[in-house]
Amino acid sequence: MQTILLSHEDVGKIADRLYENSIRAKVELPENIGKMVIIDIETGDYEVDKNGLQAAKHLNARHENTRLFGIRIGYNVAASFGGVMERMSK
């Protein structure tokens, strides 16, 4: 497959669209709140785990040279350094 260069913003937009349209309803469950969902933006494949590392490894094993994007389930940001992570209301 030919590689298409995308900006970080474009990757984020694609991942957000995938999350909203096909992933959110499947993963935003009480037991997953606060976990990371890692999304392969080229295939729409995704994995969920506590911090995203194992999910990324699994996706990379299935799809070599894939583009991944992480979203913290139920929150407005994936990580916070000295700030506040706010729980999004549904």
PDB file of N, CA and C in Angstrom:
ATOM      1  N   MET A   1       0.841  -1.180   0.000  1.00  0.00           N
ATOM      2  CA  MET A   1       0.000   0.000   0.000  1.00  0.00           C
ATOM      3  C   MET A   1       0.887   1.245   0.000  1.00  0.00           C
ATOM      4  N   GLN A   2       0.500   2.241  -0.744  1.00  0.00           N
ATOM      5  CA  GLN A   2       1.241   3.483  -0.830  1.00  0.00           C
ATOM      6  C   GLN A   2       1.043   4.295   0.443  1.00  0.00           C
ATOM      7  N   THR A   3       2.130   4.869   0.936  1.00  0.00           N
ATOM      8  CA  THR A   3       2.052   5.682   2.135  1.00  0.00           C
ATOM      9  C   THR A   3       1.614   7.089   1.773  1.00  0.00           C
ATOM     10  N   ILE A   4       0.608   7.583   2.459  1.00  0.00           N
ATOM     11  CA  ILE A   4       0.127   8.945   2.261  1.00  0.00           C
ATOM     12  C   ILE A   4       0.515   9.738   3.496  1.00  0.00           C
ATOM     13  N   LEU A   5       1.188  10.854   3.277  1.00  0.00           N
ATOM     14  CA  LEU A   5       1.615  11.681   4.396  1.00  0.00           C
ATOM     15  C   LEU A   5       0.424  12.451   4.952  1.00  0.00           C
ATOM     16  N   LEU A   6       0.237  12.325   6.251  1.00  0.00           N
ATOM     17  CA  LEU A   6      -0.839  13.027   6.939  1.00  0.00           C
ATOM     18  C   LEU A   6      -0.254  13.821   8.091  1.00  0.00           C
ATOM     19  N   SER A   7      -0.818  14.980   8.353  1.00  0.00           N
ATOM     20  CA  SER A   7      -0.402  15.767   9.509  1.00  0.00           C
ATOM     21  C   SER A   7      -0.935  15.106  10.779  1.00  0.00           C
ATOM     22  N   HIS A   8      -0.395  15.495  11.917  1.00  0.00           N
ATOM     23  CA  HIS A   8      -0.887  14.984  13.199  1.00  0.00           C
ATOM     24  C   HIS A   8      -2.372  15.322  13.367  1.00  0.00           C
ATOM     25  N   GLU A   9      -2.749  16.505  12.899  1.00  0.00           N
ATOM     26  CA  GLU A   9      -4.140  16.925  13.005  1.00  0.00           C
ATOM     27  C   GLU A   9      -5.045  16.025  12.170  1.00  0.00           C
ATOM     28  N   ASP A  10      -4.600  15.676  10.962  1.00  0.00           N
ATOM     29  CA  ASP A  10      -5.404  14.804  10.100  1.00  0.00           C
ATOM     30  C   ASP A  10      -5.557  13.412  10.709  1.00  0.00           C
ATOM     31  N   VAL A  11      -4.486  12.896  11.269  1.00  0.00           N
ATOM     32  CA  VAL A  11      -4.549  11.580  11.926  1.00  0.00           C
ATOM     33  C   VAL A  11      -5.560  11.634  13.067  1.00  0.00           C
ATOM     34  N   GLY A  12      -5.508  12.688  13.861  1.00  0.00           N
ATOM     35  CA  GLY A  12      -6.448  12.856  14.971  1.00  0.00           C
ATOM     36  C   GLY A  12      -7.894  12.948  14.505  1.00  0.00           C
ATOM     37  N   LYS A  13      -8.133  13.671  13.418  1.00  0.00           N
ATOM     38  CA  LYS A  13      -9.492  13.807  12.885  1.00  0.00           C
ATOM     39  C   LYS A  13     -10.033  12.469  12.407  1.00  0.00           C
ATOM     40  N   ILE A  14      -9.196  11.703  11.727  1.00  0.00           N
ATOM     41  CA  ILE A  14      -9.617  10.386  11.246  1.00  0.00           C
ATOM     42  C   ILE A  14      -9.944   9.476  12.431  1.00  0.00           C
ATOM     43  N   ALA A  15      -9.061   9.472  13.443  1.00  0.00           N
ATOM     44  CA  ALA A  15      -9.279   8.636  14.626  1.00  0.00           C
ATOM     45  C   ALA A  15     -10.547   9.051  15.367  1.00  0.00           C
ATOM     46  N   ASP A  16     -10.761  10.346  15.528  1.00  0.00           N
ATOM     47  CA  ASP A  16     -11.974  10.831  16.202  1.00  0.00           C
ATOM     48  C   ASP A  16     -13.226  10.396  15.449  1.00  0.00           C
ATOM     49  N   ARG A  17     -13.192  10.480  14.132  1.00  0.00           N
ATOM     50  CA  ARG A  17     -14.343  10.075  13.317  1.00  0.00           C
ATOM     51  C   ARG A  17     -14.628   8.584  13.481  1.00  0.00           C
ATOM     52  N   LEU A  18     -13.559   7.764  13.433  1.00  0.00           N
ATOM     53  CA  LEU A  18     -13.727   6.321  13.638  1.00  0.00           C
ATOM     54  C   LEU A  18     -14.294   6.030  15.020  1.00  0.00           C
ATOM     55  N   TYR A  19     -13.757   6.721  16.039  1.00  0.00           N
ATOM     56  CA  TYR A  19     -14.207   6.502  17.412  1.00  0.00           C
ATOM     57  C   TYR A  19     -15.685   6.847  17.555  1.00  0.00           C
ATOM     58  N   GLU A  20     -16.077   8.005  17.064  1.00  0.00           N
ATOM     59  CA  GLU A  20     -17.464   8.453  17.215  1.00  0.00           C
ATOM     60  C   GLU A  20     -18.433   7.583  16.423  1.00  0.00           C
ATOM     61  N   ASN A  21     -18.047   7.183  15.212  1.00  0.00           N
ATOM     62  CA  ASN A  21     -18.970   6.478  14.323  1.00  0.00           C
ATOM     63  C   ASN A  21     -19.075   4.979  14.555  1.00  0.00           C
ATOM     64  N   SER A  22     -18.003   4.341  15.033  1.00  0.00           N
ATOM     65  CA  SER A  22     -18.082   2.875  15.114  1.00  0.00           C
ATOM     66  C   SER A  22     -17.461   2.237  16.350  1.00  0.00           C
ATOM     67  N   ILE A  23     -16.698   2.987  17.128  1.00  0.00           N
ATOM     68  CA  ILE A  23     -15.981   2.360  18.254  1.00  0.00           C
ATOM     69  C   ILE A  23     -16.580   2.726  19.607  1.00  0.00           C
ATOM     70  N   ARG A  24     -16.960   3.981  19.795  1.00  0.00           N
ATOM     71  CA  ARG A  24     -17.406   4.470  21.111  1.00  0.00           C
ATOM     72  C   ARG A  24     -18.474   3.576  21.745  1.00  0.00           C
ATOM     73  N   ALA A  25     -19.494   3.236  21.015  1.00  0.00           N
ATOM     74  CA  ALA A  25     -20.599   2.450  21.576  1.00  0.00           C
ATOM     75  C   ALA A  25     -20.143   1.072  22.047  1.00  0.00           C
ATOM     76  N   LYS A  26     -19.094   0.547  21.455  1.00  0.00           N
ATOM     77  CA  LYS A  26     -18.592  -0.782  21.815  1.00  0.00           C
ATOM     78  C   LYS A  26     -17.666  -0.756  23.029  1.00  0.00           C
ATOM     79  N   VAL A  27     -16.939   0.352  23.231  1.00  0.00           N
ATOM     80  CA  VAL A  27     -15.912   0.363  24.284  1.00  0.00           C
ATOM     81  C   VAL A  27     -16.229   1.243  25.477  1.00  0.00           C
ATOM     82  N   GLU A  28     -17.129   2.208  25.341  1.00  0.00           N
ATOM     83  CA  GLU A  28     -17.385   3.127  26.441  1.00  0.00           C
ATOM     84  C   GLU A  28     -18.357   2.495  27.434  1.00  0.00           C
ATOM     85  N   LEU A  29     -17.838   1.509  28.144  1.00  0.00           N
ATOM     86  CA  LEU A  29     -18.568   0.758  29.159  1.00  0.00           C
ATOM     87  C   LEU A  29     -17.952   1.076  30.516  1.00  0.00           C
ATOM     88  N   PRO A  30     -18.702   0.918  31.607  1.00  0.00           N
ATOM     89  CA  PRO A  30     -18.164   1.261  32.930  1.00  0.00           C
ATOM     90  C   PRO A  30     -16.807   0.618  33.234  1.00  0.00           C
ATOM     91  N   GLU A  31     -16.602  -0.634  32.812  1.00  0.00           N
ATOM     92  CA  GLU A  31     -15.339  -1.312  33.118  1.00  0.00           C
ATOM     93  C   GLU A  31     -14.164  -0.795  32.285  1.00  0.00           C
ATOM     94  N   ASN A  32     -14.433  -0.016  31.237  1.00  0.00           N
ATOM     95  CA  ASN A  32     -13.363   0.513  30.388  1.00  0.00           C
ATOM     96  C   ASN A  32     -13.042   1.981  30.627  1.00  0.00           C
ATOM     97  N   ILE A  33     -13.851   2.686  31.425  1.00  0.00           N
ATOM     98  CA  ILE A  33     -13.615   4.104  31.644  1.00  0.00           C
ATOM     99  C   ILE A  33     -12.211   4.297  32.228  1.00  0.00           C
ATOM    100  N   GLY A  34     -11.444   5.181  31.587  1.00  0.00           N
ATOM    101  CA  GLY A  34     -10.076   5.463  32.015  1.00  0.00           C
ATOM    102  C   GLY A  34      -9.028   4.642  31.290  1.00  0.00           C
ATOM    103  N   LYS A  35      -9.431   3.582  30.602  1.00  0.00           N
ATOM    104  CA  LYS A  35      -8.493   2.792  29.810  1.00  0.00           C
ATOM    105  C   LYS A  35      -8.244   3.501  28.479  1.00  0.00           C
ATOM    106  N   MET A  36      -7.244   3.015  27.757  1.00  0.00           N
ATOM    107  CA  MET A  36      -6.920   3.573  26.452  1.00  0.00           C
ATOM    108  C   MET A  36      -7.465   2.682  25.346  1.00  0.00           C
ATOM    109  N   VAL A  37      -8.010   3.304  24.321  1.00  0.00           N
ATOM    110  CA  VAL A  37      -8.329   2.592  23.095  1.00  0.00           C
ATOM    111  C   VAL A  37      -7.332   3.092  22.050  1.00  0.00           C
ATOM    112  N   ILE A  38      -6.629   2.168  21.430  1.00  0.00           N
ATOM    113  CA  ILE A  38      -5.671   2.501  20.391  1.00  0.00           C
ATOM    114  C   ILE A  38      -6.308   2.112  19.063  1.00  0.00           C
ATOM    115  N   ILE A  39      -6.319   3.056  18.131  1.00  0.00           N
ATOM    116  CA  ILE A  39      -7.015   2.872  16.863  1.00  0.00           C
ATOM    117  C   ILE A  39      -6.020   2.878  15.717  1.00  0.00           C
ATOM    118  N   ASP A  40      -6.124   1.879  14.850  1.00  0.00           N
ATOM    119  CA  ASP A  40      -5.378   1.848  13.603  1.00  0.00           C
ATOM    120  C   ASP A  40      -6.213   2.654  12.617  1.00  0.00           C
ATOM    121  N   ILE A  41      -5.752   3.839  12.249  1.00  0.00           N
ATOM    122  CA  ILE A  41      -6.590   4.726  11.428  1.00  0.00           C
ATOM    123  C   ILE A  41      -6.732   4.244   9.989  1.00  0.00           C
ATOM    124  N   GLU A  42      -5.885   3.323   9.566  1.00  0.00           N
ATOM    125  CA  GLU A  42      -5.974   2.833   8.189  1.00  0.00           C
ATOM    126  C   GLU A  42      -6.967   1.688   8.033  1.00  0.00           C
ATOM    127  N   THR A  43      -7.118   0.865   9.074  1.00  0.00           N
ATOM    128  CA  THR A  43      -8.017  -0.289   8.979  1.00  0.00           C
ATOM    129  C   THR A  43      -9.269  -0.142   9.826  1.00  0.00           C
ATOM    130  N   GLY A  44      -9.250   0.762  10.818  1.00  0.00           N
ATOM    131  CA  GLY A  44     -10.361   0.893  11.752  1.00  0.00           C
ATOM    132  C   GLY A  44     -10.301  -0.123  12.874  1.00  0.00           C
ATOM    133  N   ASP A  45      -9.269  -0.972  12.854  1.00  0.00           N
ATOM    134  CA  ASP A  45      -9.070  -1.959  13.911  1.00  0.00           C
ATOM    135  C   ASP A  45      -8.691  -1.228  15.197  1.00  0.00           C
ATOM    136  N   TYR A  46      -9.023  -1.799  16.349  1.00  0.00           N
ATOM    137  CA  TYR A  46      -8.695  -1.150  17.623  1.00  0.00           C
ATOM    138  C   TYR A  46      -8.491  -2.192  18.704  1.00  0.00           C
ATOM    139  N   GLU A  47      -7.811  -1.757  19.764  1.00  0.00           N
ATOM    140  CA  GLU A  47      -7.573  -2.589  20.955  1.00  0.00           C
ATOM    141  C   GLU A  47      -7.722  -1.686  22.171  1.00  0.00           C
ATOM    142  N   VAL A  48      -8.143  -2.268  23.283  1.00  0.00           N
ATOM    143  CA  VAL A  48      -8.301  -1.540  24.544  1.00  0.00           C
ATOM    144  C   VAL A  48      -7.410  -2.189  25.590  1.00  0.00           C
ATOM    145  N   ASP A  49      -6.687  -1.361  26.365  1.00  0.00           N
ATOM    146  CA  ASP A  49      -5.985  -1.857  27.543  1.00  0.00           C
ATOM    147  C   ASP A  49      -5.734  -0.709  28.504  1.00  0.00           C
ATOM    148  N   LYS A  50      -5.124  -1.030  29.632  1.00  0.00           N
ATOM    149  CA  LYS A  50      -4.967  -0.062  30.716  1.00  0.00           C
ATOM    150  C   LYS A  50      -4.214   1.193  30.289  1.00  0.00           C
ATOM    151  N   ASN A  51      -3.064   1.033  29.626  1.00  0.00           N
ATOM    152  CA  ASN A  51      -2.280   2.215  29.268  1.00  0.00           C
ATOM    153  C   ASN A  51      -1.983   2.339  27.780  1.00  0.00           C
ATOM    154  N   GLY A  52      -2.451   1.406  26.988  1.00  0.00           N
ATOM    155  CA  GLY A  52      -2.299   1.503  25.547  1.00  0.00           C
ATOM    156  C   GLY A  52      -1.081   0.816  24.969  1.00  0.00           C
ATOM    157  N   LEU A  53      -0.113   0.446  25.806  1.00  0.00           N
ATOM    158  CA  LEU A  53       1.123  -0.138  25.289  1.00  0.00           C
ATOM    159  C   LEU A  53       0.900  -1.512  24.674  1.00  0.00           C
ATOM    160  N   GLN A  54       0.213  -2.397  25.378  1.00  0.00           N
ATOM    161  CA  GLN A  54      -0.041  -3.727  24.836  1.00  0.00           C
ATOM    162  C   GLN A  54      -0.964  -3.649  23.623  1.00  0.00           C
ATOM    163  N   ALA A  55      -1.931  -2.748  23.668  1.00  0.00           N
ATOM    164  CA  ALA A  55      -2.838  -2.578  22.535  1.00  0.00           C
ATOM    165  C   ALA A  55      -2.057  -2.172  21.292  1.00  0.00           C
ATOM    166  N   ALA A  56      -1.136  -1.236  21.440  1.00  0.00           N
ATOM    167  CA  ALA A  56      -0.319  -0.793  20.309  1.00  0.00           C
ATOM    168  C   ALA A  56       0.554  -1.927  19.780  1.00  0.00           C
ATOM    169  N   LYS A  57       1.127  -2.712  20.688  1.00  0.00           N
ATOM    170  CA  LYS A  57       1.952  -3.851  20.267  1.00  0.00           C
ATOM    171  C   LYS A  57       1.132  -4.862  19.479  1.00  0.00           C
ATOM    172  N   HIS A  58      -0.073  -5.153  19.945  1.00  0.00           N
ATOM    173  CA  HIS A  58      -0.940  -6.109  19.245  1.00  0.00           C
ATOM    174  C   HIS A  58      -1.321  -5.601  17.861  1.00  0.00           C
ATOM    175  N   LEU A  59      -1.657  -4.325  17.763  1.00  0.00           N
ATOM    176  CA  LEU A  59      -2.037  -3.767  16.465  1.00  0.00           C
ATOM    177  C   LEU A  59      -0.849  -3.735  15.511  1.00  0.00           C
ATOM    178  N   ASN A  60       0.323  -3.390  16.032  1.00  0.00           N
ATOM    179  CA  ASN A  60       1.524  -3.384  15.187  1.00  0.00           C
ATOM    180  C   ASN A  60       1.867  -4.785  14.696  1.00  0.00           C
ATOM    181  N   ALA A  61       1.603  -5.787  15.499  1.00  0.00           N
ATOM    182  CA  ALA A  61       1.873  -7.165  15.087  1.00  0.00           C
ATOM    183  C   ALA A  61       0.928  -7.593  13.958  1.00  0.00           C
ATOM    184  N   ARG A  62      -0.304  -7.104  13.997  1.00  0.00           N
ATOM    185  CA  ARG A  62      -1.287  -7.464  12.969  1.00  0.00           C
ATOM    186  C   ARG A  62      -1.120  -6.663  11.683  1.00  0.00           C
ATOM    187  N   HIS A  63      -0.734  -5.403  11.832  1.00  0.00           N
ATOM    188  CA  HIS A  63      -0.645  -4.498  10.685  1.00  0.00           C
ATOM    189  C   HIS A  63       0.683  -3.752  10.750  1.00  0.00           C
ATOM    190  N   GLU A  64       1.669  -4.225  10.017  1.00  0.00           N
ATOM    191  CA  GLU A  64       3.000  -3.626  10.036  1.00  0.00           C
ATOM    192  C   GLU A  64       2.963  -2.182   9.515  1.00  0.00           C
ATOM    193  N   ASN A  65       3.733  -1.306  10.143  1.00  0.00           N
ATOM    194  CA  ASN A  65       3.847   0.109   9.753  1.00  0.00           C
ATOM    195  C   ASN A  65       2.511   0.848   9.769  1.00  0.00           C
ATOM    196  N   THR A  66       1.679   0.502  10.709  1.00  0.00           N
ATOM    197  CA  THR A  66       0.370   1.134  10.802  1.00  0.00           C
ATOM    198  C   THR A  66       0.456   2.488  11.498  1.00  0.00           C
ATOM    199  N   ARG A  67      -0.569   3.287  11.345  1.00  0.00           N
ATOM    200  CA  ARG A  67      -0.647   4.583  12.037  1.00  0.00           C
ATOM    201  C   ARG A  67      -1.659   4.434  13.162  1.00  0.00           C
ATOM    202  N   LEU A  68      -1.181   4.672  14.363  1.00  0.00           N
ATOM    203  CA  LEU A  68      -2.013   4.473  15.553  1.00  0.00           C
ATOM    204  C   LEU A  68      -2.333   5.798  16.217  1.00  0.00           C
ATOM    205  N   PHE A  69      -3.484   5.833  16.882  1.00  0.00           N
ATOM    206  CA  PHE A  69      -3.898   7.004  17.628  1.00  0.00           C
ATOM    207  C   PHE A  69      -4.586   6.515  18.889  1.00  0.00           C
ATOM    208  N   GLY A  70      -4.269   7.120  20.037  1.00  0.00           N
ATOM    209  CA  GLY A  70      -4.843   6.702  21.307  1.00  0.00           C
ATOM    210  C   GLY A  70      -5.841   7.695  21.858  1.00  0.00           C
ATOM    211  N   ILE A  71      -6.909   7.156  22.425  1.00  0.00           N
ATOM    212  CA  ILE A  71      -7.942   7.967  23.074  1.00  0.00           C
ATOM    213  C   ILE A  71      -8.237   7.342  24.429  1.00  0.00           C
ATOM    214  N   ARG A  72      -8.238   8.173  25.492  1.00  0.00           N
ATOM    215  CA  ARG A  72      -8.598   7.671  26.814  1.00  0.00           C
ATOM    216  C   ARG A  72     -10.117   7.613  26.887  1.00  0.00           C
ATOM    217  N   ILE A  73     -10.635   6.453  27.149  1.00  0.00           N
ATOM    218  CA  ILE A  73     -12.076   6.221  27.123  1.00  0.00           C
ATOM    219  C   ILE A  73     -12.763   7.014  28.238  1.00  0.00           C
ATOM    220  N   GLY A  74     -13.717   7.849  27.822  1.00  0.00           N
ATOM    221  CA  GLY A  74     -14.512   8.611  28.772  1.00  0.00           C
ATOM    222  C   GLY A  74     -13.906   9.922  29.232  1.00  0.00           C
ATOM    223  N   TYR A  75     -12.737  10.298  28.703  1.00  0.00           N
ATOM    224  CA  TYR A  75     -12.082  11.530  29.126  1.00  0.00           C
ATOM    225  C   TYR A  75     -11.812  12.444  27.948  1.00  0.00           C
ATOM    226  N   ASN A  76     -11.560  13.728  28.254  1.00  0.00           N
ATOM    227  CA  ASN A  76     -11.331  14.710  27.209  1.00  0.00           C
ATOM    228  C   ASN A  76      -9.892  14.762  26.724  1.00  0.00           C
ATOM    229  N   VAL A  77      -8.974  14.123  27.424  1.00  0.00           N
ATOM    230  CA  VAL A  77      -7.565  14.062  27.015  1.00  0.00           C
ATOM    231  C   VAL A  77      -7.030  12.667  27.318  1.00  0.00           C
ATOM    232  N   ALA A  78      -5.957  12.294  26.634  1.00  0.00           N
ATOM    233  CA  ALA A  78      -5.353  10.980  26.860  1.00  0.00           C
ATOM    234  C   ALA A  78      -4.452  10.993  28.091  1.00  0.00           C
ATOM    235  N   ALA A  79      -3.790  12.131  28.347  1.00  0.00           N
ATOM    236  CA  ALA A  79      -2.880  12.231  29.492  1.00  0.00           C
ATOM    237  C   ALA A  79      -2.831  13.677  29.950  1.00  0.00           C
ATOM    238  N   SER A  80      -2.408  13.873  31.183  1.00  0.00           N
ATOM    239  CA  SER A  80      -2.291  15.216  31.730  1.00  0.00           C
ATOM    240  C   SER A  80      -0.999  15.326  32.518  1.00  0.00           C
ATOM    241  N   PHE A  81      -0.235  16.369  32.243  1.00  0.00           N
ATOM    242  CA  PHE A  81       1.007  16.613  32.963  1.00  0.00           C
ATOM    243  C   PHE A  81       0.824  17.870  33.806  1.00  0.00           C
ATOM    244  N   GLY A  82       0.382  17.696  35.036  1.00  0.00           N
ATOM    245  CA  GLY A  82       0.171  18.825  35.937  1.00  0.00           C
ATOM    246  C   GLY A  82      -1.176  19.503  35.741  1.00  0.00           C
ATOM    247  N   GLY A  83      -1.967  19.042  34.806  1.00  0.00           N
ATOM    248  CA  GLY A  83      -3.294  19.607  34.561  1.00  0.00           C
ATOM    249  C   GLY A  83      -4.365  18.687  35.119  1.00  0.00           C
ATOM    250  N   VAL A  84      -5.538  18.864  34.618  1.00  0.00           N
ATOM    251  CA  VAL A  84      -6.674  18.084  35.101  1.00  0.00           C
ATOM    252  C   VAL A  84      -7.302  17.313  33.938  1.00  0.00           C
ATOM    253  N   MET A  85      -7.533  16.034  34.159  1.00  0.00           N
ATOM    254  CA  MET A  85      -8.274  15.237  33.190  1.00  0.00           C
ATOM    255  C   MET A  85      -9.725  15.272  33.603  1.00  0.00           C
ATOM    256  N   GLU A  86     -10.587  15.757  32.741  1.00  0.00           N
ATOM    257  CA  GLU A  86     -12.004  15.857  33.069  1.00  0.00           C
ATOM    258  C   GLU A  86     -12.776  14.720  32.423  1.00  0.00           C
ATOM    259  N   ARG A  87     -13.641  14.112  33.194  1.00  0.00           N
ATOM    260  CA  ARG A  87     -14.525  13.060  32.686  1.00  0.00           C
ATOM    261  C   ARG A  87     -15.569  13.714  31.801  1.00  0.00           C
ATOM    262  N   MET A  88     -15.712  13.205  30.602  1.00  0.00           N
ATOM    263  CA  MET A  88     -16.722  13.729  29.681  1.00  0.00           C
ATOM    264  C   MET A  88     -18.086  13.182  30.070  1.00  0.00           C
ATOM    265  N   SER A  89     -19.089  14.040  30.040  1.00  0.00           N
ATOM    266  CA  SER A  89     -20.440  13.558  30.320  1.00  0.00           C
ATOM    267  C   SER A  89     -21.016  12.958  29.054  1.00  0.00           C
ATOM    268  N   LYS A  90     -21.829  11.973  29.215  1.00  0.00           N
ATOM    269  CA  LYS A  90     -22.419  11.303  28.067  1.00  0.00           C
ATOM    270  C   LYS A  90     -23.737  11.879  27.700  1.00  0.00           C
TER     271      LYS A  90
END
